[in-house]
Amino acid sequence: MLGTQEEGLAQVFTQQAAFTAATGATQIQFPAIAFDAYPDHPSGAGSSCGRTPPGIDLPWGSSTPTVNVLAPRANTWLCFMGPGWNHSNNTNPLPVKPTIIANGEDDFEIAFLRPVSAVGLELLTNGLAQHKVTLTFTDATQEVLEDAVLDTGAHAFEFVGFQSSKRIRSIFIDTAGGASMNEGIAAIWTAP
């Protein structure tokens, strides 16, 4: 499914296949094994964490990253959680691949070091599954997309994608209940 697009505003996609077909977006590489990504393991086996800031640079392992993921409201750590990780019993569904989750409030800021025309996200949602996404464009204008447009379901891996005629500089995902029930990002796609 895709939403209607008003002139100058982003088009919203809720199906990954339709998004990649329309935009030509490619998936950004995450680490193959969550535990191996960082040397710190404050969340136990199956995970590894770094500080936020500086956040996570992607594609993983690249000497020239194009994306930086931050969790500005988190309590220090931004982590990759691997398949089956559930250290605090507050993650449903469990990750099936390395997934970005913060310690504390799971709100995410994604900055594009080279602005993009499209961005797609596979979100791990909690029981509330309420999101507000703010797109910031290179001309400093913003577009805010509320939960009703995003149509994410609870306790699921949900896709949301955005395509715009204006170049996207960053995206902010404001989640509800992320401090007590984990939310995360399981994949990111971009198109130049």
N, C-alpha and C. Protein backbone atom coordinates (compact mmCIF):
# COMPACT_ATOMS: atom_id res chain seq x y z
N MET A 1 0.85 -1.18 0.00
CA MET A 1 0.00 0.00 0.00
C MET A 1 0.89 1.23 0.00
N LEU A 2 0.45 2.27 -0.69
CA LEU A 2 1.15 3.53 -0.62
C LEU A 2 0.13 4.64 -0.51
N GLY A 3 0.54 5.68 0.16
CA GLY A 3 -0.36 6.80 0.38
C GLY A 3 -0.34 7.76 -0.78
N THR A 4 -1.27 8.68 -0.76
CA THR A 4 -1.30 9.70 -1.79
C THR A 4 -0.21 10.73 -1.50
N GLN A 5 0.21 11.42 -2.53
CA GLN A 5 1.27 12.41 -2.38
C GLN A 5 0.75 13.76 -2.81
N GLU A 6 0.82 14.71 -1.89
CA GLU A 6 0.50 16.08 -2.25
C GLU A 6 1.75 16.73 -2.79
N GLU A 7 1.61 17.73 -3.62
CA GLU A 7 2.76 18.37 -4.24
C GLU A 7 3.74 18.87 -3.18
N GLY A 8 5.01 18.48 -3.35
CA GLY A 8 6.06 18.92 -2.44
C GLY A 8 6.15 18.12 -1.17
N LEU A 9 5.24 17.17 -0.93
CA LEU A 9 5.26 16.39 0.29
C LEU A 9 5.68 14.95 0.00
N ALA A 10 6.11 14.26 1.03
CA ALA A 10 6.59 12.89 0.87
C ALA A 10 5.45 11.93 0.59
N GLN A 11 5.75 10.94 -0.21
CA GLN A 11 4.84 9.83 -0.44
C GLN A 11 5.19 8.76 0.59
N VAL A 12 4.18 8.17 1.21
CA VAL A 12 4.38 7.18 2.26
C VAL A 12 4.07 5.79 1.70
N PHE A 13 4.96 4.84 1.99
CA PHE A 13 4.79 3.44 1.59
C PHE A 13 4.68 2.59 2.84
N THR A 14 3.85 1.57 2.80
CA THR A 14 3.76 0.62 3.91
C THR A 14 4.15 -0.78 3.48
N GLN A 15 4.56 -0.95 2.23
CA GLN A 15 5.02 -2.24 1.71
C GLN A 15 6.43 -2.07 1.14
N GLN A 16 7.37 -2.86 1.64
CA GLN A 16 8.77 -2.74 1.22
C GLN A 16 8.95 -3.01 -0.27
N ALA A 17 8.28 -4.01 -0.82
CA ALA A 17 8.43 -4.34 -2.24
C ALA A 17 7.97 -3.18 -3.13
N ALA A 18 6.86 -2.55 -2.80
CA ALA A 18 6.37 -1.41 -3.58
C ALA A 18 7.34 -0.23 -3.46
N PHE A 19 7.89 -0.04 -2.26
CA PHE A 19 8.84 1.05 -2.03
C PHE A 19 10.10 0.87 -2.87
N THR A 20 10.71 -0.32 -2.81
CA THR A 20 11.96 -0.52 -3.56
C THR A 20 11.71 -0.50 -5.07
N ALA A 21 10.56 -1.00 -5.51
CA ALA A 21 10.24 -0.95 -6.95
C ALA A 21 10.08 0.49 -7.43
N ALA A 22 9.45 1.33 -6.63
CA ALA A 22 9.21 2.72 -7.03
C ALA A 22 10.44 3.61 -6.90
N THR A 23 11.32 3.30 -5.95
CA THR A 23 12.43 4.22 -5.65
C THR A 23 13.80 3.70 -6.07
N GLY A 24 13.93 2.38 -6.25
CA GLY A 24 15.24 1.80 -6.51
C GLY A 24 16.13 1.78 -5.28
N ALA A 25 15.56 1.95 -4.10
CA ALA A 25 16.33 2.00 -2.86
C ALA A 25 17.01 0.66 -2.59
N THR A 26 18.17 0.73 -1.97
CA THR A 26 18.91 -0.46 -1.57
C THR A 26 19.08 -0.48 -0.06
N GLN A 27 19.21 -1.69 0.47
CA GLN A 27 19.34 -1.86 1.91
C GLN A 27 20.76 -1.54 2.35
N ILE A 28 20.87 -0.83 3.47
CA ILE A 28 22.16 -0.47 4.05
C ILE A 28 22.64 -1.63 4.92
N GLN A 29 23.92 -1.95 4.83
CA GLN A 29 24.47 -3.08 5.55
C GLN A 29 24.55 -2.83 7.06
N PHE A 30 24.01 -3.79 7.82
CA PHE A 30 24.15 -3.89 9.27
C PHE A 30 25.22 -4.96 9.54
N PRO A 31 25.74 -5.07 10.76
CA PRO A 31 26.70 -6.15 11.03
C PRO A 31 26.03 -7.52 10.88
N ALA A 32 26.81 -8.52 10.49
CA ALA A 32 26.26 -9.86 10.29
C ALA A 32 25.87 -10.50 11.63
N ILE A 33 26.66 -10.24 12.68
CA ILE A 33 26.41 -10.82 14.00
C ILE A 33 26.39 -9.69 15.02
N ALA A 34 25.29 -9.53 15.73
CA ALA A 34 25.13 -8.42 16.67
C ALA A 34 26.22 -8.41 17.73
N PHE A 35 26.56 -9.54 18.30
CA PHE A 35 27.52 -9.63 19.39
C PHE A 35 28.91 -9.12 18.99
N ASP A 36 29.27 -9.29 17.71
CA ASP A 36 30.60 -8.92 17.23
C ASP A 36 30.74 -7.44 16.87
N ALA A 37 29.65 -6.69 16.86
CA ALA A 37 29.71 -5.30 16.38
C ALA A 37 30.53 -4.40 17.29
N TYR A 38 30.32 -4.45 18.59
CA TYR A 38 31.00 -3.58 19.54
C TYR A 38 31.61 -4.42 20.67
N PRO A 39 32.66 -3.90 21.34
CA PRO A 39 33.28 -4.65 22.43
C PRO A 39 32.48 -4.62 23.74
N ASP A 40 31.55 -3.68 23.89
CA ASP A 40 30.77 -3.58 25.12
C ASP A 40 29.48 -4.39 25.01
N HIS A 41 29.18 -5.16 26.09
CA HIS A 41 28.02 -6.04 26.09
C HIS A 41 27.17 -5.84 27.36
N PRO A 42 26.73 -4.60 27.64
CA PRO A 42 25.96 -4.35 28.87
C PRO A 42 24.59 -5.01 28.86
N SER A 43 24.12 -5.42 27.70
CA SER A 43 22.79 -6.04 27.61
C SER A 43 22.87 -7.56 27.50
N GLY A 44 24.03 -8.12 27.76
CA GLY A 44 24.16 -9.57 27.79
C GLY A 44 24.47 -10.18 26.44
N ALA A 45 24.45 -11.49 26.43
CA ALA A 45 24.78 -12.26 25.24
C ALA A 45 23.82 -11.94 24.10
N GLY A 46 24.35 -12.00 22.90
CA GLY A 46 23.52 -11.75 21.72
C GLY A 46 23.39 -10.29 21.37
N SER A 47 24.13 -9.44 22.09
CA SER A 47 24.04 -8.00 21.82
C SER A 47 25.41 -7.35 22.00
N SER A 48 25.56 -6.17 21.42
CA SER A 48 26.72 -5.34 21.67
C SER A 48 26.30 -3.89 21.52
N CYS A 49 26.99 -3.01 22.26
CA CYS A 49 26.53 -1.63 22.34
C CYS A 49 27.65 -0.63 22.17
N GLY A 50 27.29 0.55 21.67
CA GLY A 50 28.17 1.70 21.60
C GLY A 50 27.46 2.88 22.24
N ARG A 51 28.15 3.95 22.41
CA ARG A 51 27.60 5.14 23.05
C ARG A 51 26.77 5.95 22.04
N THR A 52 25.77 6.65 22.58
CA THR A 52 25.02 7.59 21.76
C THR A 52 25.00 8.93 22.48
N PRO A 53 25.64 9.99 21.98
CA PRO A 53 26.46 9.97 20.77
C PRO A 53 27.77 9.22 20.99
N PRO A 54 28.49 8.84 19.98
CA PRO A 54 28.44 9.27 18.59
C PRO A 54 27.43 8.51 17.74
N GLY A 55 26.84 7.44 18.25
CA GLY A 55 25.85 6.71 17.46
C GLY A 55 26.48 5.64 16.61
N ILE A 56 25.69 5.14 15.67
CA ILE A 56 26.09 4.05 14.78
C ILE A 56 26.24 4.58 13.38
N ASP A 57 27.43 4.38 12.79
CA ASP A 57 27.68 4.76 11.40
C ASP A 57 27.39 3.56 10.50
N LEU A 58 26.70 3.81 9.41
CA LEU A 58 26.34 2.77 8.44
C LEU A 58 26.68 3.24 7.04
N PRO A 59 26.91 2.36 6.06
CA PRO A 59 26.89 0.92 6.14
C PRO A 59 27.95 0.42 7.12
N TRP A 60 27.62 -0.69 7.79
CA TRP A 60 28.48 -1.25 8.81
C TRP A 60 29.83 -1.63 8.19
N GLY A 61 30.91 -1.22 8.85
CA GLY A 61 32.25 -1.57 8.41
C GLY A 61 32.80 -0.71 7.30
N SER A 62 32.04 0.26 6.82
CA SER A 62 32.49 1.12 5.72
C SER A 62 33.44 2.20 6.24
N SER A 63 34.47 2.49 5.46
CA SER A 63 35.36 3.59 5.82
C SER A 63 34.77 4.94 5.42
N THR A 64 33.68 4.91 4.65
CA THR A 64 33.00 6.15 4.25
C THR A 64 31.50 6.00 4.53
N PRO A 65 31.11 6.13 5.81
CA PRO A 65 29.68 5.97 6.13
C PRO A 65 28.83 7.04 5.46
N THR A 66 27.57 6.67 5.21
CA THR A 66 26.62 7.60 4.60
C THR A 66 25.46 7.92 5.53
N VAL A 67 25.35 7.15 6.63
CA VAL A 67 24.23 7.29 7.56
C VAL A 67 24.76 7.24 8.98
N ASN A 68 24.18 8.08 9.86
CA ASN A 68 24.48 8.01 11.29
C ASN A 68 23.16 7.89 12.04
N VAL A 69 23.07 6.88 12.93
CA VAL A 69 21.87 6.64 13.73
C VAL A 69 22.19 7.02 15.18
N LEU A 70 21.37 7.89 15.75
CA LEU A 70 21.49 8.30 17.14
C LEU A 70 20.20 7.96 17.88
N ALA A 71 20.32 7.89 19.20
CA ALA A 71 19.15 7.77 20.07
C ALA A 71 19.29 8.89 21.10
N PRO A 72 18.88 10.12 20.75
CA PRO A 72 19.19 11.29 21.57
C PRO A 72 18.56 11.29 22.96
N ARG A 73 17.53 10.49 23.18
CA ARG A 73 16.88 10.45 24.50
C ARG A 73 17.21 9.17 25.28
N ALA A 74 18.18 8.40 24.79
CA ALA A 74 18.54 7.14 25.42
C ALA A 74 19.44 7.37 26.63
N ASN A 75 19.60 6.30 27.42
CA ASN A 75 20.48 6.32 28.58
C ASN A 75 21.84 5.74 28.19
N THR A 76 22.61 6.46 27.45
CA THR A 76 23.99 6.12 27.11
C THR A 76 24.15 5.16 25.94
N TRP A 77 23.47 4.00 25.95
CA TRP A 77 23.79 2.93 25.00
C TRP A 77 22.85 2.88 23.80
N LEU A 78 23.44 2.60 22.65
CA LEU A 78 22.72 2.28 21.42
C LEU A 78 23.28 0.95 20.97
N CYS A 79 22.44 -0.05 20.80
CA CYS A 79 22.90 -1.43 20.67
C CYS A 79 22.40 -2.13 19.42
N PHE A 80 23.14 -3.15 19.02
CA PHE A 80 22.66 -4.14 18.07
C PHE A 80 22.25 -5.34 18.90
N MET A 81 21.01 -5.78 18.76
CA MET A 81 20.49 -6.96 19.44
C MET A 81 20.29 -8.04 18.39
N GLY A 82 20.75 -9.24 18.69
CA GLY A 82 20.69 -10.32 17.72
C GLY A 82 19.47 -11.20 17.88
N PRO A 83 19.37 -12.24 17.04
CA PRO A 83 18.22 -13.15 17.07
C PRO A 83 17.94 -13.69 18.46
N GLY A 84 16.70 -13.58 18.86
CA GLY A 84 16.26 -14.14 20.12
C GLY A 84 16.62 -13.35 21.36
N TRP A 85 17.35 -12.24 21.22
CA TRP A 85 17.76 -11.48 22.40
C TRP A 85 16.52 -10.97 23.14
N ASN A 86 16.50 -11.15 24.45
CA ASN A 86 15.41 -10.61 25.26
C ASN A 86 15.88 -10.49 26.70
N HIS A 87 16.99 -9.80 26.87
CA HIS A 87 17.64 -9.66 28.18
C HIS A 87 16.70 -9.12 29.25
N SER A 88 15.85 -8.16 28.93
CA SER A 88 14.98 -7.55 29.94
C SER A 88 13.52 -7.98 29.82
N ASN A 89 13.24 -8.95 28.97
CA ASN A 89 11.87 -9.44 28.78
C ASN A 89 10.89 -8.32 28.42
N ASN A 90 11.34 -7.33 27.65
CA ASN A 90 10.46 -6.25 27.24
C ASN A 90 10.53 -6.01 25.73
N THR A 91 10.86 -7.06 24.98
CA THR A 91 10.96 -6.95 23.53
C THR A 91 10.07 -8.01 22.89
N ASN A 92 9.10 -7.56 22.12
CA ASN A 92 8.16 -8.47 21.46
C ASN A 92 7.72 -7.81 20.16
N PRO A 93 8.06 -8.39 19.00
CA PRO A 93 8.70 -9.68 18.80
C PRO A 93 10.20 -9.61 19.10
N LEU A 94 10.81 -10.78 19.24
CA LEU A 94 12.25 -10.84 19.44
C LEU A 94 12.94 -10.57 18.12
N PRO A 95 14.12 -9.95 18.16
CA PRO A 95 14.87 -9.73 16.92
C PRO A 95 15.16 -11.05 16.21
N VAL A 96 15.13 -11.00 14.88
CA VAL A 96 15.46 -12.18 14.07
C VAL A 96 16.77 -11.96 13.31
N LYS A 97 17.32 -10.74 13.42
CA LYS A 97 18.60 -10.37 12.81
C LYS A 97 19.10 -9.17 13.61
N PRO A 98 20.37 -8.76 13.44
CA PRO A 98 20.84 -7.60 14.19
C PRO A 98 19.89 -6.40 14.02
N THR A 99 19.41 -5.90 15.16
CA THR A 99 18.41 -4.84 15.20
C THR A 99 18.89 -3.74 16.16
N ILE A 100 18.73 -2.50 15.76
CA ILE A 100 19.16 -1.37 16.59
C ILE A 100 18.09 -1.08 17.63
N ILE A 101 18.51 -1.10 18.91
CA ILE A 101 17.64 -0.78 20.04
C ILE A 101 18.43 0.08 21.00
N ALA A 102 17.80 1.04 21.64
CA ALA A 102 18.47 1.91 22.61
C ALA A 102 18.18 1.45 24.02
N ASN A 103 19.06 1.82 24.94
CA ASN A 103 18.82 1.61 26.37
C ASN A 103 18.11 2.85 26.86
N GLY A 104 16.84 2.72 27.19
CA GLY A 104 16.04 3.88 27.57
C GLY A 104 15.04 4.19 26.49
N GLU A 105 14.77 5.45 26.29
CA GLU A 105 13.76 5.87 25.31
C GLU A 105 14.22 5.55 23.89
N ASP A 106 13.44 4.75 23.19
CA ASP A 106 13.77 4.31 21.84
C ASP A 106 13.24 5.28 20.78
N ASP A 107 13.73 6.50 20.82
CA ASP A 107 13.49 7.47 19.74
C ASP A 107 14.78 7.52 18.93
N PHE A 108 14.66 7.58 17.61
CA PHE A 108 15.85 7.49 16.77
C PHE A 108 15.95 8.68 15.81
N GLU A 109 17.17 9.18 15.66
CA GLU A 109 17.47 10.22 14.67
C GLU A 109 18.44 9.63 13.66
N ILE A 110 18.07 9.67 12.40
CA ILE A 110 18.90 9.14 11.33
C ILE A 110 19.32 10.31 10.45
N ALA A 111 20.63 10.56 10.40
CA ALA A 111 21.17 11.65 9.59
C ALA A 111 21.82 11.05 8.34
N PHE A 112 21.55 11.66 7.20
CA PHE A 112 22.11 11.20 5.94
C PHE A 112 23.26 12.13 5.56
N LEU A 113 24.48 11.59 5.54
CA LEU A 113 25.65 12.41 5.25
C LEU A 113 25.64 12.88 3.80
N ARG A 114 24.94 12.12 2.96
CA ARG A 114 24.60 12.55 1.59
C ARG A 114 23.08 12.49 1.52
N PRO A 115 22.40 13.63 1.40
CA PRO A 115 20.93 13.62 1.41
C PRO A 115 20.36 12.63 0.41
N VAL A 116 19.17 12.11 0.74
CA VAL A 116 18.53 11.06 -0.06
C VAL A 116 17.17 11.52 -0.57
N SER A 117 16.68 10.81 -1.58
CA SER A 117 15.34 11.10 -2.11
C SER A 117 14.30 10.16 -1.50
N ALA A 118 14.79 9.04 -0.91
CA ALA A 118 13.87 8.07 -0.32
C ALA A 118 14.56 7.35 0.82
N VAL A 119 13.78 7.01 1.85
CA VAL A 119 14.28 6.22 2.97
C VAL A 119 13.17 5.26 3.41
N GLY A 120 13.57 4.02 3.66
CA GLY A 120 12.65 3.01 4.15
C GLY A 120 13.18 2.41 5.43
N LEU A 121 12.27 2.01 6.32
CA LEU A 121 12.64 1.47 7.62
C LEU A 121 11.84 0.22 7.93
N GLU A 122 12.52 -0.81 8.43
CA GLU A 122 11.83 -1.94 9.02
C GLU A 122 11.88 -1.72 10.52
N LEU A 123 10.73 -1.43 11.10
CA LEU A 123 10.64 -1.13 12.52
C LEU A 123 10.21 -2.35 13.32
N LEU A 124 10.85 -2.57 14.46
CA LEU A 124 10.37 -3.54 15.44
C LEU A 124 9.47 -2.72 16.36
N THR A 125 8.20 -3.04 16.40
CA THR A 125 7.25 -2.23 17.17
C THR A 125 6.92 -2.87 18.52
N ASN A 126 6.54 -2.04 19.46
CA ASN A 126 6.13 -2.54 20.77
C ASN A 126 4.60 -2.65 20.83
N GLY A 127 4.04 -2.83 22.02
CA GLY A 127 2.60 -3.02 22.17
C GLY A 127 1.78 -1.80 21.82
N LEU A 128 2.39 -0.60 21.85
CA LEU A 128 1.66 0.62 21.48
C LEU A 128 1.74 0.89 19.99
N ALA A 129 2.91 0.64 19.39
CA ALA A 129 3.13 0.85 17.96
C ALA A 129 2.65 2.22 17.49
N GLN A 130 2.96 3.24 18.26
CA GLN A 130 2.58 4.60 17.90
C GLN A 130 3.86 5.39 17.58
N HIS A 131 3.89 5.95 16.38
CA HIS A 131 5.06 6.65 15.91
C HIS A 131 4.68 8.00 15.31
N LYS A 132 5.61 8.93 15.45
CA LYS A 132 5.52 10.19 14.72
C LYS A 132 6.88 10.37 14.06
N VAL A 133 6.88 10.54 12.75
CA VAL A 133 8.12 10.66 11.99
C VAL A 133 8.22 12.09 11.44
N THR A 134 9.39 12.69 11.67
CA THR A 134 9.66 14.03 11.14
C THR A 134 10.77 13.92 10.11
N LEU A 135 10.45 14.31 8.88
CA LEU A 135 11.45 14.38 7.82
C LEU A 135 11.98 15.81 7.78
N THR A 136 13.29 15.97 7.76
CA THR A 136 13.91 17.29 7.60
C THR A 136 14.61 17.31 6.26
N PHE A 137 14.30 18.31 5.46
CA PHE A 137 14.82 18.41 4.10
C PHE A 137 16.04 19.34 4.06
N THR A 138 16.76 19.29 2.96
CA THR A 138 17.98 20.11 2.84
C THR A 138 17.68 21.60 2.84
N ASP A 139 16.45 22.00 2.54
CA ASP A 139 16.10 23.42 2.59
C ASP A 139 15.63 23.84 3.99
N ALA A 140 15.82 22.96 4.99
CA ALA A 140 15.49 23.19 6.41
C ALA A 140 14.00 23.11 6.71
N THR A 141 13.15 22.83 5.71
CA THR A 141 11.73 22.63 6.00
C THR A 141 11.55 21.21 6.55
N GLN A 142 10.39 21.00 7.18
CA GLN A 142 10.10 19.69 7.76
C GLN A 142 8.70 19.24 7.38
N GLU A 143 8.52 17.93 7.41
CA GLU A 143 7.20 17.34 7.25
C GLU A 143 7.02 16.32 8.38
N VAL A 144 5.91 16.42 9.10
CA VAL A 144 5.62 15.51 10.20
C VAL A 144 4.52 14.56 9.77
N LEU A 145 4.79 13.27 9.93
CA LEU A 145 3.83 12.23 9.56
C LEU A 145 3.39 11.52 10.83
N GLU A 146 2.09 11.56 11.07
CA GLU A 146 1.52 10.99 12.30
C GLU A 146 1.24 9.50 12.13
N ASP A 147 0.97 8.85 13.24
CA ASP A 147 0.77 7.41 13.30
C ASP A 147 -0.33 6.91 12.36
N ALA A 148 -1.39 7.67 12.19
CA ALA A 148 -2.51 7.23 11.33
C ALA A 148 -2.05 7.01 9.89
N VAL A 149 -1.10 7.79 9.41
CA VAL A 149 -0.57 7.65 8.05
C VAL A 149 0.40 6.48 7.96
N LEU A 150 1.15 6.24 9.04
CA LEU A 150 2.17 5.19 9.04
C LEU A 150 1.56 3.80 9.17
N ASP A 151 0.45 3.69 9.90
CA ASP A 151 -0.32 2.45 9.99
C ASP A 151 0.49 1.24 10.46
N THR A 152 1.28 1.43 11.54
CA THR A 152 2.07 0.32 12.06
C THR A 152 1.27 -0.48 13.08
N GLY A 153 1.43 -1.79 13.04
CA GLY A 153 0.75 -2.68 13.97
C GLY A 153 1.61 -2.99 15.17
N ALA A 154 0.99 -3.45 16.24
CA ALA A 154 1.69 -3.76 17.49
C ALA A 154 2.43 -5.09 17.42
N HIS A 155 3.55 -5.16 18.14
CA HIS A 155 4.34 -6.38 18.28
C HIS A 155 4.61 -7.03 16.92
N ALA A 156 5.27 -6.28 16.05
CA ALA A 156 5.50 -6.76 14.69
C ALA A 156 6.76 -6.12 14.11
N PHE A 157 7.17 -6.64 12.98
CA PHE A 157 8.17 -5.97 12.15
C PHE A 157 7.37 -5.27 11.06
N GLU A 158 7.37 -3.94 11.07
CA GLU A 158 6.54 -3.15 10.16
C GLU A 158 7.42 -2.29 9.25
N PHE A 159 7.03 -2.17 8.00
CA PHE A 159 7.77 -1.34 7.05
C PHE A 159 7.08 0.00 6.87
N VAL A 160 7.88 1.06 6.88
CA VAL A 160 7.41 2.39 6.47
C VAL A 160 8.51 2.99 5.58
N GLY A 161 8.09 3.62 4.49
CA GLY A 161 9.04 4.24 3.58
C GLY A 161 8.52 5.58 3.11
N PHE A 162 9.46 6.44 2.73
CA PHE A 162 9.14 7.81 2.32
C PHE A 162 9.94 8.16 1.09
N GLN A 163 9.27 8.78 0.12
CA GLN A 163 9.93 9.29 -1.07
C GLN A 163 9.51 10.73 -1.24
N SER A 164 10.48 11.59 -1.56
CA SER A 164 10.18 13.01 -1.68
C SER A 164 10.93 13.62 -2.86
N SER A 165 10.31 14.62 -3.48
CA SER A 165 11.00 15.37 -4.53
C SER A 165 12.03 16.32 -3.91
N LYS A 166 11.87 16.63 -2.61
CA LYS A 166 12.87 17.42 -1.88
C LYS A 166 13.83 16.46 -1.20
N ARG A 167 15.11 16.78 -1.20
CA ARG A 167 16.14 15.91 -0.63
C ARG A 167 15.99 15.84 0.89
N ILE A 168 16.06 14.62 1.43
CA ILE A 168 15.89 14.37 2.86
C ILE A 168 17.27 14.39 3.52
N ARG A 169 17.43 15.26 4.51
CA ARG A 169 18.69 15.38 5.25
C ARG A 169 18.70 14.49 6.49
N SER A 170 17.52 14.37 7.15
CA SER A 170 17.44 13.53 8.35
C SER A 170 16.00 13.12 8.59
N ILE A 171 15.86 12.13 9.47
CA ILE A 171 14.55 11.65 9.85
C ILE A 171 14.58 11.39 11.36
N PHE A 172 13.51 11.76 12.04
CA PHE A 172 13.41 11.53 13.48
C PHE A 172 12.18 10.67 13.73
N ILE A 173 12.38 9.54 14.43
CA ILE A 173 11.28 8.63 14.74
C ILE A 173 11.00 8.74 16.23
N ASP A 174 9.84 9.30 16.56
CA ASP A 174 9.41 9.46 17.94
C ASP A 174 8.46 8.30 18.26
N THR A 175 8.88 7.44 19.20
CA THR A 175 8.09 6.27 19.54
C THR A 175 7.37 6.47 20.87
N ALA A 176 6.24 5.83 21.04
CA ALA A 176 5.51 5.87 22.31
C ALA A 176 5.88 4.65 23.13
N GLY A 177 6.17 4.86 24.41
CA GLY A 177 6.44 3.76 25.32
C GLY A 177 7.78 3.08 25.13
N GLY A 178 8.69 3.70 24.37
CA GLY A 178 9.98 3.08 24.08
C GLY A 178 10.89 2.94 25.28
N ALA A 179 10.64 3.67 26.36
CA ALA A 179 11.49 3.56 27.54
C ALA A 179 11.18 2.30 28.35
N SER A 180 9.96 1.76 28.20
CA SER A 180 9.60 0.57 28.98
C SER A 180 9.36 -0.67 28.12
N MET A 181 9.02 -0.48 26.84
CA MET A 181 8.83 -1.59 25.89
C MET A 181 9.67 -1.27 24.66
N ASN A 182 10.66 -2.10 24.37
CA ASN A 182 11.60 -1.78 23.30
C ASN A 182 10.94 -1.60 21.94
N GLU A 183 11.47 -0.63 21.22
CA GLU A 183 11.22 -0.44 19.79
C GLU A 183 12.58 -0.49 19.12
N GLY A 184 12.63 -0.76 17.84
CA GLY A 184 13.92 -0.84 17.18
C GLY A 184 13.85 -0.66 15.69
N ILE A 185 15.04 -0.66 15.07
CA ILE A 185 15.17 -0.57 13.62
C ILE A 185 15.91 -1.81 13.15
N ALA A 186 15.24 -2.64 12.35
CA ALA A 186 15.81 -3.89 11.87
C ALA A 186 16.46 -3.75 10.50
N ALA A 187 16.12 -2.69 9.75
CA ALA A 187 16.73 -2.47 8.43
C ALA A 187 16.44 -1.04 7.99
N ILE A 188 17.35 -0.53 7.14
CA ILE A 188 17.20 0.80 6.54
C ILE A 188 17.52 0.68 5.05
N TRP A 189 16.68 1.27 4.21
CA TRP A 189 16.92 1.36 2.77
C TRP A 189 17.02 2.83 2.41
N THR A 190 17.87 3.17 1.42
CA THR A 190 17.94 4.54 0.92
C THR A 190 18.09 4.54 -0.59
N ALA A 191 17.68 5.66 -1.19
CA ALA A 191 17.89 5.91 -2.62
C ALA A 191 18.49 7.30 -2.74
N PRO A 192 19.50 7.47 -3.60
CA PRO A 192 20.14 8.78 -3.75
C PRO A 192 19.19 9.85 -4.27
